[in-house]
Amino acid sequence: MTDHSSRQAEDRPILPDERSGVLLPDNLERYAANWIAPAAEVDAVVDQFWHVSWAFPDGESADQRIIDLPAVTVTIEDGDTPAPLVVTGVQTGAWRRMIHGRGRVFAIRLRPAGLAIVSDLAPSSVRDATIPVTPSLDARLYEFMREVATTPTPAERARSAERVVAGLLIEQPVSEKGLLANAVLDELRARVRHRTGTTLPQHFGVSERTVERALMDTVGHGPKWISRRIRLQEVALALATRPDASLAAIAAELGYADQSHLTADFRAVAGITPGGYRRRLTELRAR
């Protein structure tokens, strides 16, 4: 088995001009937001590690919203946070939290196949929820997170998580259904700007029902919903980084029928219209 303790975790900033789904990307620097890529040996289970930390003056807060990737995320949290160990399920709307005081978070964003490896929870049981992880909620997930939490730094936590996951994979390899769900999600992420080509069943040589069931069982949503979510991440990125681009042009680039469909889709998830979102970004950048 690979000695993950000897690997130097690649720790890099989450940039405002990459597809992260963060709706106020200029805050990323305030939170010292960084990615850590997982080792290849565990990338069927872990999509990304990320970590943030903040120290706000008294009375200052930030309303952070994220159109996150369809994934279950488990977090180890310190300071002014809801709980020390937390699991967040796939969100229908934008994930939202009011940030204040001081704190830090180390997160493990799981692949579709990953939840079954580290937990006994079903994706439906944490859908649209952010829940403290306790032994009574899920003893297996609690032990995994508690072991990772014993190490102090994000890089050490990433290596610790990799060691534990590598051991779990020996006991329980990723299922064929999980591998298919991983591959379908990767394909949907890759083709977000390409609306033509083979269908997913044709691409993977399986039936439409097989694709649907693989995603429903691991993520809790089907391919159309997941594709829409990923496309909205791209919309958010375009709105934030291309202030002069028209909504009609962005809609056409991303395969929307027209500008009104983009507006309705974005507002339903982000809770604000694209125009309102752009105005909010302009106000924040003018401060």
C-alpha atoms as a PDB file:
ATOM      1  CA  MET A   1       0.000   0.000   0.000  1.00  0.00           C
ATOM      2  CA  THR A   2       1.248   3.507  -0.805  1.00  0.00           C
ATOM      3  CA  ASP A   3       2.687   5.457   2.114  1.00  0.00           C
ATOM      4  CA  HIS A   4       0.533   8.568   1.950  1.00  0.00           C
ATOM      5  CA  SER A   5       2.451  10.121   4.865  1.00  0.00           C
ATOM      6  CA  SER A   6       5.400  10.742   2.519  1.00  0.00           C
ATOM      7  CA  ARG A   7       3.335  12.544  -0.120  1.00  0.00           C
ATOM      8  CA  GLN A   8       3.527  16.315  -0.258  1.00  0.00           C
ATOM      9  CA  ALA A   9      -0.081  17.484  -0.511  1.00  0.00           C
ATOM     10  CA  GLU A  10      -0.552  20.047  -3.271  1.00  0.00           C
ATOM     11  CA  ASP A  11      -2.084  23.056  -1.546  1.00  0.00           C
ATOM     12  CA  ARG A  12      -3.139  25.894  -3.853  1.00  0.00           C
ATOM     13  CA  PRO A  13      -5.509  28.856  -3.638  1.00  0.00           C
ATOM     14  CA  ILE A  14      -9.059  28.583  -4.965  1.00  0.00           C
ATOM     15  CA  LEU A  15      -9.016  31.286  -7.629  1.00  0.00           C
ATOM     16  CA  PRO A  16     -11.907  33.665  -8.353  1.00  0.00           C
ATOM     17  CA  ASP A  17     -11.742  32.792 -12.073  1.00  0.00           C
ATOM     18  CA  GLU A  18     -12.231  29.028 -11.727  1.00  0.00           C
ATOM     19  CA  ARG A  19     -15.470  27.082 -11.572  1.00  0.00           C
ATOM     20  CA  SER A  20     -15.990  26.692  -7.820  1.00  0.00           C
ATOM     21  CA  GLY A  21     -19.614  27.798  -7.582  1.00  0.00           C
ATOM     22  CA  VAL A  22     -18.724  30.448  -4.986  1.00  0.00           C
ATOM     23  CA  LEU A  23     -21.145  33.309  -5.604  1.00  0.00           C
ATOM     24  CA  LEU A  24     -18.955  35.995  -4.028  1.00  0.00           C
ATOM     25  CA  PRO A  25     -15.573  34.837  -5.349  1.00  0.00           C
ATOM     26  CA  ASP A  26     -13.750  37.954  -4.157  1.00  0.00           C
ATOM     27  CA  ASN A  27     -14.243  36.573  -0.626  1.00  0.00           C
ATOM     28  CA  LEU A  28     -12.044  33.570  -1.371  1.00  0.00           C
ATOM     29  CA  GLU A  29      -8.922  35.478  -0.390  1.00  0.00           C
ATOM     30  CA  ARG A  30     -10.574  36.695   2.829  1.00  0.00           C
ATOM     31  CA  TYR A  31     -11.181  33.062   3.772  1.00  0.00           C
ATOM     32  CA  ALA A  32      -7.702  31.890   2.715  1.00  0.00           C
ATOM     33  CA  ALA A  33      -9.538  29.311   0.615  1.00  0.00           C
ATOM     34  CA  ASN A  34      -7.364  26.514  -0.770  1.00  0.00           C
ATOM     35  CA  TRP A  35      -7.719  23.230  -2.623  1.00  0.00           C
ATOM     36  CA  ILE A  36      -5.674  20.113  -1.889  1.00  0.00           C
ATOM     37  CA  ALA A  37      -5.803  17.479  -4.616  1.00  0.00           C
ATOM     38  CA  PRO A  38      -6.262  13.891  -3.370  1.00  0.00           C
ATOM     39  CA  ALA A  39      -3.757  11.147  -4.086  1.00  0.00           C
ATOM     40  CA  ALA A  40      -4.558   9.024  -7.130  1.00  0.00           C
ATOM     41  CA  GLU A  41      -5.087   5.963  -4.930  1.00  0.00           C
ATOM     42  CA  VAL A  42      -8.179   7.517  -3.325  1.00  0.00           C
ATOM     43  CA  ASP A  43      -9.574   9.661  -6.128  1.00  0.00           C
ATOM     44  CA  ALA A  44     -12.466   7.251  -6.681  1.00  0.00           C
ATOM     45  CA  VAL A  45     -13.642   8.281  -3.203  1.00  0.00           C
ATOM     46  CA  VAL A  46     -12.373  11.852  -2.709  1.00  0.00           C
ATOM     47  CA  ASP A  47     -13.017  14.556  -5.295  1.00  0.00           C
ATOM     48  CA  GLN A  48     -11.203  17.375  -3.488  1.00  0.00           C
ATOM     49  CA  PHE A  49      -9.964  18.472  -0.132  1.00  0.00           C
ATOM     50  CA  TRP A  50     -10.425  22.162   0.595  1.00  0.00           C
ATOM     51  CA  HIS A  51      -9.888  24.388   3.593  1.00  0.00           C
ATOM     52  CA  VAL A  52     -10.717  27.915   4.700  1.00  0.00           C
ATOM     53  CA  SER A  53      -9.979  30.087   7.726  1.00  0.00           C
ATOM     54  CA  TRP A  54     -11.157  33.521   8.758  1.00  0.00           C
ATOM     55  CA  ALA A  55     -10.903  36.121  11.525  1.00  0.00           C
ATOM     56  CA  PHE A  56     -13.518  38.869  11.212  1.00  0.00           C
ATOM     57  CA  PRO A  57     -13.685  41.945  13.492  1.00  0.00           C
ATOM     58  CA  ASP A  58     -16.539  42.100  15.982  1.00  0.00           C
ATOM     59  CA  GLY A  59     -19.808  42.917  14.240  1.00  0.00           C
ATOM     60  CA  GLU A  60     -18.563  41.969  10.770  1.00  0.00           C
ATOM     61  CA  SER A  61     -20.028  39.022   8.892  1.00  0.00           C
ATOM     62  CA  ALA A  62     -20.278  37.636   5.366  1.00  0.00           C
ATOM     63  CA  ASP A  63     -23.249  35.918   3.754  1.00  0.00           C
ATOM     64  CA  GLN A  64     -21.569  33.169   1.745  1.00  0.00           C
ATOM     65  CA  ARG A  65     -23.504  31.249  -0.891  1.00  0.00           C
ATOM     66  CA  ILE A  66     -22.224  28.492  -3.144  1.00  0.00           C
ATOM     67  CA  ILE A  67     -23.803  26.736  -6.099  1.00  0.00           C
ATOM     68  CA  ASP A  68     -21.869  23.656  -5.136  1.00  0.00           C
ATOM     69  CA  LEU A  69     -21.062  20.581  -7.159  1.00  0.00           C
ATOM     70  CA  PRO A  70     -23.600  17.763  -6.609  1.00  0.00           C
ATOM     71  CA  ALA A  71     -21.629  15.996  -3.895  1.00  0.00           C
ATOM     72  CA  VAL A  72     -21.726  15.087  -0.225  1.00  0.00           C
ATOM     73  CA  THR A  73     -19.095  16.989   1.768  1.00  0.00           C
ATOM     74  CA  VAL A  74     -17.841  16.220   5.269  1.00  0.00           C
ATOM     75  CA  THR A  75     -16.129  18.957   7.253  1.00  0.00           C
ATOM     76  CA  ILE A  76     -14.004  19.316  10.367  1.00  0.00           C
ATOM     77  CA  GLU A  77     -14.716  22.730  11.871  1.00  0.00           C
ATOM     78  CA  ASP A  78     -13.216  24.869  14.628  1.00  0.00           C
ATOM     79  CA  GLY A  79     -14.231  28.219  16.109  1.00  0.00           C
ATOM     80  CA  ASP A  80     -17.492  30.009  15.357  1.00  0.00           C
ATOM     81  CA  THR A  81     -19.035  27.137  13.417  1.00  0.00           C
ATOM     82  CA  PRO A  82     -22.147  24.957  13.873  1.00  0.00           C
ATOM     83  CA  ALA A  83     -20.383  21.789  15.091  1.00  0.00           C
ATOM     84  CA  PRO A  84     -16.911  20.195  15.125  1.00  0.00           C
ATOM     85  CA  LEU A  85     -17.856  17.449  12.646  1.00  0.00           C
ATOM     86  CA  VAL A  86     -20.440  18.095   9.933  1.00  0.00           C
ATOM     87  CA  VAL A  87     -21.892  16.352   6.888  1.00  0.00           C
ATOM     88  CA  THR A  88     -23.545  18.417   4.149  1.00  0.00           C
ATOM     89  CA  GLY A  89     -25.695  16.699   1.564  1.00  0.00           C
ATOM     90  CA  VAL A  90     -26.431  17.613  -2.026  1.00  0.00           C
ATOM     91  CA  GLN A  91     -28.274  20.933  -2.052  1.00  0.00           C
ATOM     92  CA  THR A  92     -31.264  21.841  -4.201  1.00  0.00           C
ATOM     93  CA  GLY A  93     -30.626  25.569  -3.781  1.00  0.00           C
ATOM     94  CA  ALA A  94     -27.356  27.344  -3.149  1.00  0.00           C
ATOM     95  CA  TRP A  95     -25.561  26.272   0.023  1.00  0.00           C
ATOM     96  CA  ARG A  96     -25.576  29.193   2.429  1.00  0.00           C
ATOM     97  CA  ARG A  97     -23.882  30.117   5.688  1.00  0.00           C
ATOM     98  CA  MET A  98     -23.376  33.375   7.577  1.00  0.00           C
ATOM     99  CA  ILE A  99     -19.663  33.615   8.388  1.00  0.00           C
ATOM    100  CA  HIS A 100     -18.627  35.576  11.478  1.00  0.00           C
ATOM    101  CA  GLY A 101     -16.050  35.632  14.247  1.00  0.00           C
ATOM    102  CA  ARG A 102     -13.087  33.305  13.863  1.00  0.00           C
ATOM    103  CA  GLY A 103     -12.938  29.811  12.483  1.00  0.00           C
ATOM    104  CA  ARG A 104     -11.431  27.276  10.169  1.00  0.00           C
ATOM    105  CA  VAL A 105     -12.845  24.411   8.144  1.00  0.00           C
ATOM    106  CA  PHE A 106     -11.200  21.398   6.537  1.00  0.00           C
ATOM    107  CA  ALA A 107     -13.466  19.686   4.016  1.00  0.00           C
ATOM    108  CA  ILE A 108     -13.532  16.393   2.157  1.00  0.00           C
ATOM    109  CA  ARG A 109     -15.733  16.605  -0.915  1.00  0.00           C
ATOM    110  CA  LEU A 110     -16.693  13.063  -1.811  1.00  0.00           C
ATOM    111  CA  ARG A 111     -17.112  11.497  -5.214  1.00  0.00           C
ATOM    112  CA  PRO A 112     -20.482   9.856  -5.912  1.00  0.00           C
ATOM    113  CA  ALA A 113     -18.936   6.491  -4.983  1.00  0.00           C
ATOM    114  CA  GLY A 114     -17.323   7.888  -1.848  1.00  0.00           C
ATOM    115  CA  LEU A 115     -20.214   8.095   0.593  1.00  0.00           C
ATOM    116  CA  ALA A 116     -20.707   4.318   0.647  1.00  0.00           C
ATOM    117  CA  ILE A 117     -17.014   3.797   1.450  1.00  0.00           C
ATOM    118  CA  VAL A 118     -16.815   6.098   4.498  1.00  0.00           C
ATOM    119  CA  SER A 119     -20.402   6.062   5.749  1.00  0.00           C
ATOM    120  CA  ASP A 120     -23.612   4.112   6.188  1.00  0.00           C
ATOM    121  CA  LEU A 121     -25.733   7.143   5.287  1.00  0.00           C
ATOM    122  CA  ALA A 122     -27.848   7.245   2.142  1.00  0.00           C
ATOM    123  CA  PRO A 123     -27.582  10.434   0.060  1.00  0.00           C
ATOM    124  CA  SER A 124     -31.316  11.005   0.565  1.00  0.00           C
ATOM    125  CA  SER A 125     -30.840  11.140   4.351  1.00  0.00           C
ATOM    126  CA  VAL A 126     -28.638  14.259   4.137  1.00  0.00           C
ATOM    127  CA  ARG A 127     -30.205  15.932   1.111  1.00  0.00           C
ATOM    128  CA  ASP A 128     -30.621  19.702   1.564  1.00  0.00           C
ATOM    129  CA  ALA A 129     -29.188  19.380   5.066  1.00  0.00           C
ATOM    130  CA  THR A 130     -26.113  20.290   7.092  1.00  0.00           C
ATOM    131  CA  ILE A 131     -25.970  17.916  10.053  1.00  0.00           C
ATOM    132  CA  PRO A 132     -23.553  17.424  12.970  1.00  0.00           C
ATOM    133  CA  VAL A 133     -21.858  14.037  12.732  1.00  0.00           C
ATOM    134  CA  THR A 134     -22.243  12.037  15.933  1.00  0.00           C
ATOM    135  CA  PRO A 135     -21.884   8.339  16.791  1.00  0.00           C
ATOM    136  CA  SER A 136     -25.670   8.018  16.818  1.00  0.00           C
ATOM    137  CA  LEU A 137     -26.004   9.537  13.352  1.00  0.00           C
ATOM    138  CA  ASP A 138     -23.361   7.312  11.745  1.00  0.00           C
ATOM    139  CA  ALA A 139     -20.710   5.566  13.811  1.00  0.00           C
ATOM    140  CA  ARG A 140     -18.560   4.704  10.809  1.00  0.00           C
ATOM    141  CA  LEU A 141     -18.442   8.248   9.455  1.00  0.00           C
ATOM    142  CA  TYR A 142     -17.884   9.620  12.957  1.00  0.00           C
ATOM    143  CA  GLU A 143     -14.823   7.408  13.519  1.00  0.00           C
ATOM    144  CA  PHE A 144     -13.395   8.334  10.118  1.00  0.00           C
ATOM    145  CA  MET A 145     -13.770  12.072  10.710  1.00  0.00           C
ATOM    146  CA  ARG A 146     -12.579  11.917  14.302  1.00  0.00           C
ATOM    147  CA  GLU A 147      -9.366  10.202  13.220  1.00  0.00           C
ATOM    148  CA  VAL A 148      -8.713  12.810  10.542  1.00  0.00           C
ATOM    149  CA  ALA A 149      -9.432  15.593  13.058  1.00  0.00           C
ATOM    150  CA  THR A 150      -6.634  14.459  15.365  1.00  0.00           C
ATOM    151  CA  THR A 151      -4.069  15.985  12.993  1.00  0.00           C
ATOM    152  CA  PRO A 152      -3.601  19.769  13.157  1.00  0.00           C
ATOM    153  CA  THR A 153      -2.903  21.139   9.679  1.00  0.00           C
ATOM    154  CA  PRO A 154      -4.860  20.858   6.417  1.00  0.00           C
ATOM    155  CA  ALA A 155      -1.989  19.019   4.681  1.00  0.00           C
ATOM    156  CA  GLU A 156      -1.741  16.513   7.523  1.00  0.00           C
ATOM    157  CA  ARG A 157      -5.497  16.040   7.534  1.00  0.00           C
ATOM    158  CA  ALA A 158      -5.458  15.322   3.805  1.00  0.00           C
ATOM    159  CA  ARG A 159      -2.753  12.691   4.274  1.00  0.00           C
ATOM    160  CA  SER A 160      -4.588  11.203   7.262  1.00  0.00           C
ATOM    161  CA  ALA A 161      -7.831  10.975   5.279  1.00  0.00           C
ATOM    162  CA  GLU A 162      -5.977   9.280   2.431  1.00  0.00           C
ATOM    163  CA  ARG A 163      -4.482   6.684   4.777  1.00  0.00           C
ATOM    164  CA  VAL A 164      -7.879   5.860   6.269  1.00  0.00           C
ATOM    165  CA  VAL A 165      -9.654   5.756   2.904  1.00  0.00           C
ATOM    166  CA  ALA A 166      -6.930   3.530   1.419  1.00  0.00           C
ATOM    167  CA  GLY A 167      -7.509   1.080   4.259  1.00  0.00           C
ATOM    168  CA  LEU A 168     -11.260   1.173   3.793  1.00  0.00           C
ATOM    169  CA  LEU A 169     -10.877   0.459   0.075  1.00  0.00           C
ATOM    170  CA  ILE A 170      -9.006  -2.740   0.870  1.00  0.00           C
ATOM    171  CA  GLU A 171     -11.935  -3.916   2.966  1.00  0.00           C
ATOM    172  CA  GLN A 172     -14.625  -2.643   0.552  1.00  0.00           C
ATOM    173  CA  PRO A 173     -13.634  -1.760  -3.039  1.00  0.00           C
ATOM    174  CA  VAL A 174     -15.720   0.763  -4.936  1.00  0.00           C
ATOM    175  CA  SER A 175     -18.743  -0.854  -6.588  1.00  0.00           C
ATOM    176  CA  GLU A 176     -19.307  -0.914 -10.335  1.00  0.00           C
ATOM    177  CA  LYS A 177     -22.314   1.335  -9.791  1.00  0.00           C
ATOM    178  CA  GLY A 178     -20.138   3.817  -7.912  1.00  0.00           C
ATOM    179  CA  LEU A 179     -17.480   3.806 -10.629  1.00  0.00           C
ATOM    180  CA  LEU A 180     -20.125   4.447 -13.278  1.00  0.00           C
ATOM    181  CA  ALA A 181     -21.592   7.326 -11.271  1.00  0.00           C
ATOM    182  CA  ASN A 182     -18.105   8.838 -10.914  1.00  0.00           C
ATOM    183  CA  ALA A 183     -17.495   8.543 -14.650  1.00  0.00           C
ATOM    184  CA  VAL A 184     -20.867  10.043 -15.569  1.00  0.00           C
ATOM    185  CA  LEU A 185     -20.304  13.038 -13.286  1.00  0.00           C
ATOM    186  CA  ASP A 186     -16.846  13.564 -14.806  1.00  0.00           C
ATOM    187  CA  GLU A 187     -18.337  13.436 -18.290  1.00  0.00           C
ATOM    188  CA  LEU A 188     -21.049  15.944 -17.395  1.00  0.00           C
ATOM    189  CA  ARG A 189     -18.443  18.307 -15.977  1.00  0.00           C
ATOM    190  CA  ALA A 190     -16.326  17.974 -19.114  1.00  0.00           C
ATOM    191  CA  ARG A 191     -19.167  18.551 -21.578  1.00  0.00           C
ATOM    192  CA  VAL A 192     -20.820  21.509 -19.828  1.00  0.00           C
ATOM    193  CA  ARG A 193     -20.153  23.721 -22.879  1.00  0.00           C
ATOM    194  CA  HIS A 194     -20.832  21.015 -25.451  1.00  0.00           C
ATOM    195  CA  ARG A 195     -24.508  20.225 -25.922  1.00  0.00           C
ATOM    196  CA  THR A 196     -24.137  17.810 -28.844  1.00  0.00           C
ATOM    197  CA  GLY A 197     -22.540  14.400 -29.262  1.00  0.00           C
ATOM    198  CA  THR A 198     -23.343  10.945 -27.978  1.00  0.00           C
ATOM    199  CA  THR A 199     -25.855  10.456 -25.204  1.00  0.00           C
ATOM    200  CA  LEU A 200     -24.571   9.278 -21.836  1.00  0.00           C
ATOM    201  CA  PRO A 201     -25.900   5.719 -22.337  1.00  0.00           C
ATOM    202  CA  GLN A 202     -24.226   5.572 -25.748  1.00  0.00           C
ATOM    203  CA  HIS A 203     -20.986   6.990 -24.380  1.00  0.00           C
ATOM    204  CA  PHE A 204     -20.774   4.406 -21.594  1.00  0.00           C
ATOM    205  CA  GLY A 205     -22.391   1.503 -23.419  1.00  0.00           C
ATOM    206  CA  VAL A 206     -25.154   1.018 -20.861  1.00  0.00           C
ATOM    207  CA  SER A 207     -28.878   1.652 -20.702  1.00  0.00           C
ATOM    208  CA  GLU A 208     -30.469   4.964 -19.761  1.00  0.00           C
ATOM    209  CA  ARG A 209     -31.959   3.274 -16.692  1.00  0.00           C
ATOM    210  CA  THR A 210     -28.504   2.094 -15.582  1.00  0.00           C
ATOM    211  CA  VAL A 211     -27.135   5.647 -15.734  1.00  0.00           C
ATOM    212  CA  GLU A 212     -30.179   7.020 -13.898  1.00  0.00           C
ATOM    213  CA  ARG A 213     -30.021   4.437 -11.119  1.00  0.00           C
ATOM    214  CA  ALA A 214     -26.266   4.819 -10.621  1.00  0.00           C
ATOM    215  CA  LEU A 215     -26.666   8.547 -10.030  1.00  0.00           C
ATOM    216  CA  MET A 216     -29.859   8.333  -7.992  1.00  0.00           C
ATOM    217  CA  ASP A 217     -28.326   5.741  -5.672  1.00  0.00           C
ATOM    218  CA  THR A 218     -25.093   7.686  -5.100  1.00  0.00           C
ATOM    219  CA  VAL A 219     -26.000  11.367  -5.504  1.00  0.00           C
ATOM    220  CA  GLY A 220     -29.774  11.383  -5.135  1.00  0.00           C
ATOM    221  CA  HIS A 221     -30.446  13.080  -8.490  1.00  0.00           C
ATOM    222  CA  GLY A 222     -30.531  12.053 -12.131  1.00  0.00           C
ATOM    223  CA  PRO A 223     -28.263  13.203 -14.964  1.00  0.00           C
ATOM    224  CA  LYS A 224     -30.482  16.051 -16.178  1.00  0.00           C
ATOM    225  CA  TRP A 225     -30.583  17.673 -12.752  1.00  0.00           C
ATOM    226  CA  ILE A 226     -26.832  17.217 -12.272  1.00  0.00           C
ATOM    227  CA  SER A 227     -26.088  18.654 -15.714  1.00  0.00           C
ATOM    228  CA  ARG A 228     -28.221  21.684 -14.888  1.00  0.00           C
ATOM    229  CA  ARG A 229     -26.374  22.218 -11.611  1.00  0.00           C
ATOM    230  CA  ILE A 230     -22.958  22.093 -13.256  1.00  0.00           C
ATOM    231  CA  ARG A 231     -24.133  24.478 -15.964  1.00  0.00           C
ATOM    232  CA  LEU A 232     -25.266  26.940 -13.273  1.00  0.00           C
ATOM    233  CA  GLN A 233     -21.757  26.866 -11.812  1.00  0.00           C
ATOM    234  CA  GLU A 234     -20.543  27.951 -15.237  1.00  0.00           C
ATOM    235  CA  VAL A 235     -23.203  30.681 -15.365  1.00  0.00           C
ATOM    236  CA  ALA A 236     -22.053  32.022 -11.990  1.00  0.00           C
ATOM    237  CA  LEU A 237     -18.447  32.048 -13.175  1.00  0.00           C
ATOM    238  CA  ALA A 238     -19.347  33.908 -16.376  1.00  0.00           C
ATOM    239  CA  LEU A 239     -21.412  36.501 -14.506  1.00  0.00           C
ATOM    240  CA  ALA A 240     -18.613  37.142 -12.002  1.00  0.00           C
ATOM    241  CA  THR A 241     -15.652  37.228 -14.371  1.00  0.00           C
ATOM    242  CA  ARG A 242     -17.164  38.693 -17.547  1.00  0.00           C
ATOM    243  CA  PRO A 243     -19.136  41.759 -16.427  1.00  0.00           C
ATOM    244  CA  ASP A 244     -19.479  43.097 -19.977  1.00  0.00           C
ATOM    245  CA  ALA A 245     -20.857  39.889 -21.494  1.00  0.00           C
ATOM    246  CA  SER A 246     -24.581  40.060 -22.187  1.00  0.00           C
ATOM    247  CA  LEU A 247     -26.928  37.546 -20.589  1.00  0.00           C
ATOM    248  CA  ALA A 248     -28.120  36.598 -24.049  1.00  0.00           C
ATOM    249  CA  ALA A 249     -24.563  35.735 -25.103  1.00  0.00           C
ATOM    250  CA  ILE A 250     -23.922  33.683 -21.972  1.00  0.00           C
ATOM    251  CA  ALA A 251     -27.224  31.868 -22.436  1.00  0.00           C
ATOM    252  CA  ALA A 252     -26.334  30.988 -26.022  1.00  0.00           C
ATOM    253  CA  GLU A 253     -22.844  29.790 -25.065  1.00  0.00           C
ATOM    254  CA  LEU A 254     -24.201  27.463 -22.399  1.00  0.00           C
ATOM    255  CA  GLY A 255     -27.072  25.995 -24.378  1.00  0.00           C
ATOM    256  CA  TYR A 256     -30.046  27.768 -22.838  1.00  0.00           C
ATOM    257  CA  ALA A 257     -33.077  28.286 -25.066  1.00  0.00           C
ATOM    258  CA  ASP A 258     -32.877  32.009 -24.357  1.00  0.00           C
ATOM    259  CA  GLN A 259     -31.946  34.609 -21.746  1.00  0.00           C
ATOM    260  CA  SER A 260     -35.203  34.214 -19.815  1.00  0.00           C
ATOM    261  CA  HIS A 261     -34.532  30.521 -19.232  1.00  0.00           C
ATOM    262  CA  LEU A 262     -31.064  31.308 -17.850  1.00  0.00           C
ATOM    263  CA  THR A 263     -32.535  33.987 -15.583  1.00  0.00           C
ATOM    264  CA  ALA A 264     -35.240  31.697 -14.204  1.00  0.00           C
ATOM    265  CA  ASP A 265     -32.798  28.835 -13.663  1.00  0.00           C
ATOM    266  CA  PHE A 266     -30.247  31.005 -11.865  1.00  0.00           C
ATOM    267  CA  ARG A 267     -32.808  32.751  -9.673  1.00  0.00           C
ATOM    268  CA  ALA A 268     -34.393  29.455  -8.616  1.00  0.00           C
ATOM    269  CA  VAL A 269     -31.089  28.201  -7.218  1.00  0.00           C
ATOM    270  CA  ALA A 270     -29.156  31.338  -6.235  1.00  0.00           C
ATOM    271  CA  GLY A 271     -32.145  33.262  -4.882  1.00  0.00           C
ATOM    272  CA  ILE A 272     -31.246  36.330  -6.941  1.00  0.00           C
ATOM    273  CA  THR A 273     -31.509  37.280 -10.610  1.00  0.00           C
ATOM    274  CA  PRO A 274     -28.342  37.407 -12.727  1.00  0.00           C
ATOM    275  CA  GLY A 275     -28.698  41.186 -12.957  1.00  0.00           C
ATOM    276  CA  GLY A 276     -29.116  41.501  -9.203  1.00  0.00           C
ATOM    277  CA  TYR A 277     -26.131  39.258  -8.657  1.00  0.00           C
ATOM    278  CA  ARG A 278     -23.948  41.392 -10.908  1.00  0.00           C
ATOM    279  CA  ARG A 279     -25.045  44.550  -9.105  1.00  0.00           C
ATOM    280  CA  ARG A 280     -24.165  42.940  -5.772  1.00  0.00           C
ATOM    281  CA  LEU A 281     -20.691  42.061  -7.060  1.00  0.00           C
ATOM    282  CA  THR A 282     -20.192  45.628  -8.301  1.00  0.00           C
ATOM    283  CA  GLU A 283     -21.200  47.057  -4.909  1.00  0.00           C
ATOM    284  CA  LEU A 284     -18.787  44.781  -3.051  1.00  0.00           C
ATOM    285  CA  ARG A 285     -15.901  45.548  -5.410  1.00  0.00           C
ATOM    286  CA  ALA A 286     -16.485  49.293  -5.016  1.00  0.00           C
ATOM    287  CA  ARG A 287     -15.949  49.162  -1.250  1.00  0.00           C
END
